Amino acid sequence: MLQTNVETGKYQSDMEKAVNFVLNRGFEDIKARHGDYEEPATLRMMDQEGGFVPDITATKNGGKYYFEIANRNEDARQVVGKWKLMSTLARM
């Protein structure tokens, strides 16, 4: 998520709803880009610089889950790179 989008009121409202969604479904060890939670770790691909911080990470039944709030205003290249990384994580 782009930093400018993270600071908007709409993002914060959506984040609150997403955190409640995750909590209500029994996830544990929740980390979120939300003031009440520890921020998730930055994810990076080995062959690329930079990375991104998922909006929410959590665990459930021994698995690690990543949640991202979709934003139509993001740069297409950034979105493609982010989803490639998420795809790689899903196959692990």
Foldseek 3Di string as FASTA:
>chain_A
DDPVVCPDPVNQVVLVVVVVVCVVVPWAPKAASHPVHHFADFDDDPVDPDGGGFGMWTDDPHDIDTHHDDDPPDDPVVVVVNVVSVVVVVVD
